[in-house]
Amino acid sequence: MSLTNDQEHEASTTATGAASCSRTTNAGPPRHRASAHPTPPNRSSQTPLVLGLAWTYAALRVAHSVIHTTRNDVDWRFRTFILSWIVLLALWVVLVFG
């Protein structure tokens, strides 16, 4: 009587109490490790001016979206877009040269 591979594996597992299969269970080290010394965040990007400009830009973009989805007045929508673009430009100037 010949046994299939699954039956042989089951028989050897029940007879010895442990799996005698040749598969390795060690998958090795994890692929994504946190570095031992993470770099500290750049504190110049967390000033009140930068945060204020960033939140102003976000609020203007939300206002632009609200204008677009409600009354869709192109003049007001364009004004909020230009204002948000100026705030974004100022934010970049502060981050790059500040």
C-alpha atoms as a PDB file:
ATOM      1  CA  MET A   1       0.000   0.000   0.000  1.00  0.00           C
ATOM      2  CA  SER A   2       1.480   3.333  -1.020  1.00  0.00           C
ATOM      3  CA  LEU A   3       0.718   6.602   0.736  1.00  0.00           C
ATOM      4  CA  THR A   4       0.463  10.024  -0.838  1.00  0.00           C
ATOM      5  CA  ASN A   5       2.731  12.854   0.306  1.00  0.00           C
ATOM      6  CA  ASP A   6      -0.002  14.349   2.501  1.00  0.00           C
ATOM      7  CA  GLN A   7      -0.705  11.015   4.141  1.00  0.00           C
ATOM      8  CA  GLU A   8       3.021  10.418   4.748  1.00  0.00           C
ATOM      9  CA  HIS A   9       3.397  13.870   6.289  1.00  0.00           C
ATOM     10  CA  GLU A  10       0.355  13.318   8.505  1.00  0.00           C
ATOM     11  CA  ALA A  11       1.595   9.912   9.567  1.00  0.00           C
ATOM     12  CA  SER A  12       5.071  11.197  10.446  1.00  0.00           C
ATOM     13  CA  THR A  13       3.603  14.150  12.347  1.00  0.00           C
ATOM     14  CA  THR A  14       1.323  11.996  14.452  1.00  0.00           C
ATOM     15  CA  ALA A  15       3.973   9.336  15.038  1.00  0.00           C
ATOM     16  CA  THR A  16       6.715  11.680  16.213  1.00  0.00           C
ATOM     17  CA  GLY A  17       4.610  14.496  17.604  1.00  0.00           C
ATOM     18  CA  ALA A  18       6.383  17.056  15.422  1.00  0.00           C
ATOM     19  CA  ALA A  19       6.436  17.845  11.770  1.00  0.00           C
ATOM     20  CA  SER A  20       9.302  16.209   9.958  1.00  0.00           C
ATOM     21  CA  CYS A  21       8.848  18.199   6.838  1.00  0.00           C
ATOM     22  CA  SER A  22      11.763  19.932   5.174  1.00  0.00           C
ATOM     23  CA  ARG A  23      10.158  23.366   4.972  1.00  0.00           C
ATOM     24  CA  THR A  24      11.973  26.123   6.786  1.00  0.00           C
ATOM     25  CA  THR A  25       9.965  28.301   9.114  1.00  0.00           C
ATOM     26  CA  ASN A  26      12.590  31.008   9.510  1.00  0.00           C
ATOM     27  CA  ALA A  27      11.617  33.766   7.123  1.00  0.00           C
ATOM     28  CA  GLY A  28      14.700  35.828   7.940  1.00  0.00           C
ATOM     29  CA  PRO A  29      14.884  39.372   9.230  1.00  0.00           C
ATOM     30  CA  PRO A  30      11.997  41.744   8.625  1.00  0.00           C
ATOM     31  CA  ARG A  31      12.351  43.790   5.484  1.00  0.00           C
ATOM     32  CA  HIS A  32      11.459  47.151   7.030  1.00  0.00           C
ATOM     33  CA  ARG A  33      13.432  47.986  10.121  1.00  0.00           C
ATOM     34  CA  ALA A  34      13.346  51.228  11.986  1.00  0.00           C
ATOM     35  CA  SER A  35      16.789  52.746  12.064  1.00  0.00           C
ATOM     36  CA  ALA A  36      18.549  52.842  15.392  1.00  0.00           C
ATOM     37  CA  HIS A  37      19.110  56.603  15.098  1.00  0.00           C
ATOM     38  CA  PRO A  38      16.240  58.281  13.265  1.00  0.00           C
ATOM     39  CA  THR A  39      16.952  61.726  11.935  1.00  0.00           C
ATOM     40  CA  PRO A  40      15.244  64.483  13.913  1.00  0.00           C
ATOM     41  CA  PRO A  41      12.583  66.484  12.092  1.00  0.00           C
ATOM     42  CA  ASN A  42      13.584  69.799  10.606  1.00  0.00           C
ATOM     43  CA  ARG A  43      12.397  72.290  13.213  1.00  0.00           C
ATOM     44  CA  SER A  44      12.478  75.232  10.780  1.00  0.00           C
ATOM     45  CA  SER A  45       9.464  73.737   8.991  1.00  0.00           C
ATOM     46  CA  GLN A  46       7.366  73.819  12.168  1.00  0.00           C
ATOM     47  CA  THR A  47       7.365  77.534  12.859  1.00  0.00           C
ATOM     48  CA  PRO A  48       4.079  79.357  13.491  1.00  0.00           C
ATOM     49  CA  LEU A  49       4.482  81.232  10.187  1.00  0.00           C
ATOM     50  CA  VAL A  50       4.824  78.002   8.180  1.00  0.00           C
ATOM     51  CA  LEU A  51       1.935  76.358   9.983  1.00  0.00           C
ATOM     52  CA  GLY A  52      -0.231  79.446   9.533  1.00  0.00           C
ATOM     53  CA  LEU A  53       0.518  79.612   5.810  1.00  0.00           C
ATOM     54  CA  ALA A  54      -0.146  75.900   5.396  1.00  0.00           C
ATOM     55  CA  TRP A  55      -3.508  76.056   7.183  1.00  0.00           C
ATOM     56  CA  THR A  56      -4.447  79.216   5.267  1.00  0.00           C
ATOM     57  CA  TYR A  57      -3.665  77.447   2.000  1.00  0.00           C
ATOM     58  CA  ALA A  58      -5.754  74.439   3.035  1.00  0.00           C
ATOM     59  CA  ALA A  59      -8.683  76.671   4.063  1.00  0.00           C
ATOM     60  CA  LEU A  60      -8.539  78.562   0.768  1.00  0.00           C
ATOM     61  CA  ARG A  61      -8.553  75.315  -1.195  1.00  0.00           C
ATOM     62  CA  VAL A  62     -11.604  74.155   0.762  1.00  0.00           C
ATOM     63  CA  ALA A  63     -13.275  77.513   0.057  1.00  0.00           C
ATOM     64  CA  HIS A  64     -12.433  77.104  -3.638  1.00  0.00           C
ATOM     65  CA  SER A  65     -14.036  73.649  -3.622  1.00  0.00           C
ATOM     66  CA  VAL A  66     -17.138  74.898  -1.824  1.00  0.00           C
ATOM     67  CA  ILE A  67     -17.548  77.735  -4.321  1.00  0.00           C
ATOM     68  CA  HIS A  68     -17.089  75.286  -7.177  1.00  0.00           C
ATOM     69  CA  THR A  69     -19.654  72.792  -5.876  1.00  0.00           C
ATOM     70  CA  THR A  70     -22.305  75.280  -4.764  1.00  0.00           C
ATOM     71  CA  ARG A  71     -22.850  78.480  -6.727  1.00  0.00           C
ATOM     72  CA  ASN A  72     -19.894  78.096  -9.153  1.00  0.00           C
ATOM     73  CA  ASP A  73     -19.231  81.823  -9.504  1.00  0.00           C
ATOM     74  CA  VAL A  74     -16.123  81.822 -11.669  1.00  0.00           C
ATOM     75  CA  ASP A  75     -14.996  85.266 -10.509  1.00  0.00           C
ATOM     76  CA  TRP A  76     -15.003  84.301  -6.809  1.00  0.00           C
ATOM     77  CA  ARG A  77     -13.550  80.906  -7.577  1.00  0.00           C
ATOM     78  CA  PHE A  78     -10.691  82.507  -9.520  1.00  0.00           C
ATOM     79  CA  ARG A  79     -10.025  84.969  -6.695  1.00  0.00           C
ATOM     80  CA  THR A  80      -9.758  82.194  -4.104  1.00  0.00           C
ATOM     81  CA  PHE A  81      -7.534  80.181  -6.442  1.00  0.00           C
ATOM     82  CA  ILE A  82      -5.143  83.109  -7.001  1.00  0.00           C
ATOM     83  CA  LEU A  83      -5.097  83.907  -3.296  1.00  0.00           C
ATOM     84  CA  SER A  84      -4.335  80.279  -2.443  1.00  0.00           C
ATOM     85  CA  TRP A  85      -1.605  80.248  -5.100  1.00  0.00           C
ATOM     86  CA  ILE A  86      -0.008  83.361  -3.554  1.00  0.00           C
ATOM     87  CA  VAL A  87      -0.145  81.764  -0.093  1.00  0.00           C
ATOM     88  CA  LEU A  88       1.435  78.584  -1.480  1.00  0.00           C
ATOM     89  CA  LEU A  89       4.178  80.614  -3.167  1.00  0.00           C
ATOM     90  CA  ALA A  90       4.851  82.428   0.123  1.00  0.00           C
ATOM     91  CA  LEU A  91       4.973  79.082   1.913  1.00  0.00           C
ATOM     92  CA  TRP A  92       7.587  77.795  -0.535  1.00  0.00           C
ATOM     93  CA  VAL A  93       9.629  80.985  -0.223  1.00  0.00           C
ATOM     94  CA  VAL A  94       9.643  80.665   3.566  1.00  0.00           C
ATOM     95  CA  LEU A  95      10.576  76.978   3.412  1.00  0.00           C
ATOM     96  CA  VAL A  96      13.342  77.359   0.844  1.00  0.00           C
ATOM     97  CA  PHE A  97      14.864  80.668   1.852  1.00  0.00           C
ATOM     98  CA  GLY A  98      13.593  81.117   5.394  1.00  0.00           C
END
